[in-house]
Amino acid sequence: MPDIREEFEVWHHAEFGYCISEEDDAWNAGECAKRWEVWQASRAALRVDLPDKKQFVEYHEGLEGGEFNWQRYMVAVKEALQQAGIEVKQL
């Protein structure tokens, strides 16, 4: 998975062309630097609280300590992401 900077650079290149490198003073004064700050802030604001795994431990007769139900948990994770407005392709 690409890091946040790589994602930004791909997006910026597609929308506006290449950025000036950070070593160049024009970066800090330019629109590219402002867009980078906004991009970072938008990613920092994204936070999803996932369901507590404890509620997906099922206890059956003769099963000591319980069994974690991954399938039910993944459905709950998908729902949590979708409620946060995140498109989920596949889990």
N, C-alpha and C. Protein backbone atom coordinates (compact mmCIF):
# COMPACT_ATOMS: atom_id res chain seq x y z
N MET A 1 0.85 -1.18 0.00
CA MET A 1 0.00 0.00 0.00
C MET A 1 0.89 1.24 0.00
N PRO A 2 0.62 2.18 -0.89
CA PRO A 2 1.46 3.37 -0.94
C PRO A 2 1.28 4.23 0.30
N ASP A 3 2.32 4.97 0.63
CA ASP A 3 2.18 5.84 1.80
C ASP A 3 1.44 7.11 1.39
N ILE A 4 1.13 7.92 2.37
CA ILE A 4 0.30 9.11 2.14
C ILE A 4 0.95 10.08 1.16
N ARG A 5 2.28 10.21 1.22
CA ARG A 5 2.98 11.13 0.30
C ARG A 5 2.89 10.62 -1.14
N GLU A 6 3.06 9.32 -1.33
CA GLU A 6 2.96 8.76 -2.67
C GLU A 6 1.56 8.94 -3.24
N GLU A 7 0.54 8.71 -2.39
CA GLU A 7 -0.84 8.91 -2.83
C GLU A 7 -1.07 10.36 -3.25
N PHE A 8 -0.55 11.29 -2.46
CA PHE A 8 -0.70 12.70 -2.78
C PHE A 8 -0.04 13.03 -4.11
N GLU A 9 1.17 12.56 -4.30
CA GLU A 9 1.90 12.88 -5.53
C GLU A 9 1.20 12.33 -6.77
N VAL A 10 0.65 11.12 -6.68
CA VAL A 10 -0.09 10.55 -7.80
C VAL A 10 -1.32 11.40 -8.10
N TRP A 11 -2.07 11.75 -7.04
CA TRP A 11 -3.25 12.57 -7.21
C TRP A 11 -2.88 13.95 -7.79
N HIS A 12 -1.86 14.58 -7.21
CA HIS A 12 -1.47 15.92 -7.64
C HIS A 12 -1.03 15.92 -9.10
N HIS A 13 -0.26 14.93 -9.47
CA HIS A 13 0.21 14.86 -10.85
C HIS A 13 -0.97 14.73 -11.81
N ALA A 14 -1.94 13.91 -11.46
CA ALA A 14 -3.12 13.73 -12.32
C ALA A 14 -3.95 15.01 -12.43
N GLU A 15 -4.05 15.75 -11.35
CA GLU A 15 -4.90 16.95 -11.33
C GLU A 15 -4.20 18.23 -11.79
N PHE A 16 -2.91 18.38 -11.39
CA PHE A 16 -2.23 19.66 -11.59
C PHE A 16 -0.85 19.55 -12.23
N GLY A 17 -0.33 18.35 -12.39
CA GLY A 17 1.04 18.19 -12.86
C GLY A 17 1.97 17.95 -11.69
N TYR A 18 3.23 17.83 -11.98
CA TYR A 18 4.22 17.52 -10.94
C TYR A 18 4.40 18.67 -9.97
N CYS A 19 4.72 18.32 -8.72
CA CYS A 19 5.08 19.32 -7.71
C CYS A 19 6.56 19.66 -7.86
N ILE A 20 6.91 20.79 -7.33
CA ILE A 20 8.32 21.15 -7.21
C ILE A 20 8.85 20.40 -6.00
N SER A 21 10.08 19.96 -6.04
CA SER A 21 10.61 19.17 -4.93
C SER A 21 10.65 19.98 -3.64
N GLU A 22 10.61 19.27 -2.53
CA GLU A 22 10.61 19.95 -1.23
C GLU A 22 11.90 20.72 -0.99
N GLU A 23 12.98 20.32 -1.65
CA GLU A 23 14.25 21.01 -1.45
C GLU A 23 14.22 22.40 -2.07
N ASP A 24 13.35 22.60 -3.02
CA ASP A 24 13.24 23.89 -3.70
C ASP A 24 12.40 24.82 -2.82
N ASP A 25 12.85 26.06 -2.66
CA ASP A 25 12.13 27.03 -1.84
C ASP A 25 10.73 27.31 -2.38
N ALA A 26 10.54 27.14 -3.68
CA ALA A 26 9.23 27.42 -4.27
C ALA A 26 8.16 26.46 -3.75
N TRP A 27 8.58 25.28 -3.30
CA TRP A 27 7.61 24.30 -2.77
C TRP A 27 6.85 24.92 -1.60
N ASN A 28 7.58 25.47 -0.65
CA ASN A 28 6.97 25.99 0.57
C ASN A 28 6.07 27.20 0.32
N ALA A 29 6.33 27.93 -0.74
CA ALA A 29 5.54 29.12 -1.02
C ALA A 29 4.42 28.84 -2.02
N GLY A 30 4.44 27.66 -2.63
CA GLY A 30 3.52 27.40 -3.73
C GLY A 30 2.23 26.71 -3.33
N GLU A 31 1.37 26.60 -4.32
CA GLU A 31 0.08 25.94 -4.15
C GLU A 31 0.26 24.47 -3.79
N CYS A 32 1.30 23.86 -4.31
CA CYS A 32 1.52 22.44 -4.04
C CYS A 32 1.70 22.19 -2.54
N ALA A 33 2.43 23.04 -1.88
CA ALA A 33 2.64 22.89 -0.43
C ALA A 33 1.32 23.06 0.33
N LYS A 34 0.50 23.99 -0.12
CA LYS A 34 -0.80 24.20 0.53
C LYS A 34 -1.70 22.97 0.34
N ARG A 35 -1.69 22.45 -0.88
CA ARG A 35 -2.49 21.25 -1.14
C ARG A 35 -2.00 20.07 -0.31
N TRP A 36 -0.69 19.96 -0.13
CA TRP A 36 -0.10 18.88 0.67
C TRP A 36 -0.56 18.99 2.12
N GLU A 37 -0.59 20.19 2.67
CA GLU A 37 -1.06 20.39 4.05
C GLU A 37 -2.52 19.98 4.20
N VAL A 38 -3.34 20.36 3.24
CA VAL A 38 -4.76 20.00 3.28
C VAL A 38 -4.92 18.48 3.15
N TRP A 39 -4.15 17.88 2.25
CA TRP A 39 -4.19 16.43 2.05
C TRP A 39 -3.86 15.70 3.35
N GLN A 40 -2.80 16.12 4.02
CA GLN A 40 -2.41 15.49 5.28
C GLN A 40 -3.50 15.64 6.34
N ALA A 41 -4.07 16.83 6.42
CA ALA A 41 -5.13 17.07 7.40
C ALA A 41 -6.35 16.21 7.11
N SER A 42 -6.68 16.05 5.84
CA SER A 42 -7.86 15.24 5.49
C SER A 42 -7.64 13.78 5.87
N ARG A 43 -6.43 13.30 5.75
CA ARG A 43 -6.14 11.91 6.10
C ARG A 43 -6.08 11.73 7.62
N ALA A 44 -5.60 12.72 8.32
CA ALA A 44 -5.50 12.64 9.78
C ALA A 44 -6.89 12.64 10.41
N ALA A 45 -7.85 13.29 9.75
CA ALA A 45 -9.20 13.39 10.30
C ALA A 45 -9.98 12.09 10.14
N LEU A 46 -9.50 11.19 9.30
CA LEU A 46 -10.21 9.94 9.06
C LEU A 46 -9.88 8.94 10.17
N ARG A 47 -10.89 8.62 10.94
CA ARG A 47 -10.71 7.66 12.02
C ARG A 47 -12.00 6.87 12.18
N VAL A 48 -11.85 5.56 12.22
CA VAL A 48 -13.01 4.69 12.37
C VAL A 48 -12.77 3.80 13.58
N ASP A 49 -13.71 3.81 14.50
CA ASP A 49 -13.63 2.91 15.64
C ASP A 49 -14.23 1.57 15.23
N LEU A 50 -13.40 0.54 15.25
CA LEU A 50 -13.85 -0.78 14.86
C LEU A 50 -14.53 -1.48 16.03
N PRO A 51 -15.39 -2.44 15.75
CA PRO A 51 -16.10 -3.15 16.81
C PRO A 51 -15.14 -3.87 17.75
N ASP A 52 -15.54 -3.97 18.99
CA ASP A 52 -14.76 -4.68 20.00
C ASP A 52 -14.81 -6.18 19.71
N LYS A 53 -13.66 -6.79 19.59
CA LYS A 53 -13.59 -8.22 19.25
C LYS A 53 -14.24 -9.10 20.31
N LYS A 54 -14.27 -8.63 21.55
CA LYS A 54 -14.82 -9.45 22.64
C LYS A 54 -16.26 -9.86 22.40
N GLN A 55 -17.03 -8.99 21.74
CA GLN A 55 -18.44 -9.30 21.53
C GLN A 55 -18.65 -10.36 20.44
N PHE A 56 -17.58 -10.77 19.77
CA PHE A 56 -17.70 -11.77 18.72
C PHE A 56 -17.10 -13.11 19.13
N VAL A 57 -16.87 -13.28 20.42
CA VAL A 57 -16.44 -14.57 20.94
C VAL A 57 -17.70 -15.34 21.31
N GLU A 58 -17.82 -16.52 20.72
CA GLU A 58 -19.00 -17.35 20.95
C GLU A 58 -18.63 -18.54 21.82
N TYR A 59 -19.48 -18.85 22.73
CA TYR A 59 -19.26 -19.97 23.64
C TYR A 59 -20.23 -21.09 23.30
N HIS A 60 -19.68 -22.24 23.09
CA HIS A 60 -20.48 -23.43 22.77
C HIS A 60 -20.21 -24.48 23.85
N GLU A 61 -21.12 -25.38 24.00
CA GLU A 61 -20.97 -26.44 24.99
C GLU A 61 -19.68 -27.23 24.71
N GLY A 62 -18.89 -27.37 25.74
CA GLY A 62 -17.65 -28.13 25.63
C GLY A 62 -16.48 -27.35 25.04
N LEU A 63 -16.67 -26.07 24.68
CA LEU A 63 -15.60 -25.27 24.10
C LEU A 63 -15.08 -24.31 25.17
N GLU A 64 -13.91 -24.61 25.64
CA GLU A 64 -13.32 -23.81 26.72
C GLU A 64 -12.72 -22.52 26.17
N GLY A 65 -13.06 -21.41 26.76
CA GLY A 65 -12.49 -20.12 26.37
C GLY A 65 -13.19 -19.44 25.21
N GLY A 66 -14.08 -20.12 24.55
CA GLY A 66 -14.83 -19.50 23.45
C GLY A 66 -14.10 -19.57 22.12
N GLU A 67 -14.83 -19.23 21.09
CA GLU A 67 -14.29 -19.26 19.73
C GLU A 67 -14.64 -17.93 19.06
N PHE A 68 -13.64 -17.32 18.46
CA PHE A 68 -13.84 -16.02 17.81
C PHE A 68 -14.50 -16.24 16.45
N ASN A 69 -15.58 -15.52 16.19
CA ASN A 69 -16.30 -15.66 14.93
C ASN A 69 -15.82 -14.56 13.97
N TRP A 70 -14.85 -14.90 13.12
CA TRP A 70 -14.26 -13.93 12.19
C TRP A 70 -15.28 -13.43 11.18
N GLN A 71 -16.11 -14.30 10.71
CA GLN A 71 -17.08 -13.91 9.68
C GLN A 71 -18.01 -12.81 10.20
N ARG A 72 -18.57 -13.01 11.38
CA ARG A 72 -19.45 -11.98 11.96
C ARG A 72 -18.68 -10.69 12.24
N TYR A 73 -17.43 -10.83 12.67
CA TYR A 73 -16.61 -9.66 12.97
C TYR A 73 -16.34 -8.85 11.69
N MET A 74 -16.02 -9.54 10.60
CA MET A 74 -15.71 -8.84 9.36
C MET A 74 -16.95 -8.12 8.80
N VAL A 75 -18.11 -8.69 9.00
CA VAL A 75 -19.35 -8.01 8.59
C VAL A 75 -19.52 -6.72 9.40
N ALA A 76 -19.25 -6.80 10.69
CA ALA A 76 -19.36 -5.62 11.56
C ALA A 76 -18.31 -4.57 11.20
N VAL A 77 -17.11 -4.99 10.84
CA VAL A 77 -16.06 -4.05 10.42
C VAL A 77 -16.48 -3.34 9.14
N LYS A 78 -16.99 -4.10 8.18
CA LYS A 78 -17.46 -3.52 6.93
C LYS A 78 -18.55 -2.48 7.19
N GLU A 79 -19.49 -2.81 8.06
CA GLU A 79 -20.56 -1.87 8.39
C GLU A 79 -20.02 -0.61 9.06
N ALA A 80 -19.04 -0.76 9.94
CA ALA A 80 -18.44 0.40 10.61
C ALA A 80 -17.76 1.32 9.60
N LEU A 81 -17.06 0.73 8.66
CA LEU A 81 -16.39 1.53 7.63
C LEU A 81 -17.41 2.24 6.75
N GLN A 82 -18.45 1.55 6.36
CA GLN A 82 -19.47 2.15 5.51
C GLN A 82 -20.21 3.27 6.24
N GLN A 83 -20.46 3.10 7.53
CA GLN A 83 -21.11 4.15 8.31
C GLN A 83 -20.25 5.40 8.40
N ALA A 84 -18.93 5.21 8.29
CA ALA A 84 -18.02 6.35 8.31
C ALA A 84 -17.88 6.98 6.92
N GLY A 85 -18.60 6.43 5.95
CA GLY A 85 -18.56 6.99 4.60
C GLY A 85 -17.43 6.45 3.74
N ILE A 86 -16.87 5.32 4.14
CA ILE A 86 -15.78 4.73 3.38
C ILE A 86 -16.32 3.60 2.52
N GLU A 87 -15.99 3.66 1.24
CA GLU A 87 -16.42 2.60 0.33
C GLU A 87 -15.56 1.36 0.59
N VAL A 88 -16.21 0.24 0.73
CA VAL A 88 -15.51 -1.02 0.98
C VAL A 88 -15.66 -1.89 -0.25
N LYS A 89 -14.54 -2.21 -0.91
CA LYS A 89 -14.61 -3.04 -2.10
C LYS A 89 -14.88 -4.49 -1.74
N GLN A 90 -14.06 -5.02 -0.83
CA GLN A 90 -14.22 -6.41 -0.45
C GLN A 90 -13.44 -6.67 0.83
N LEU A 91 -14.01 -7.48 1.68
CA LEU A 91 -13.33 -7.89 2.90
C LEU A 91 -13.25 -9.40 2.90
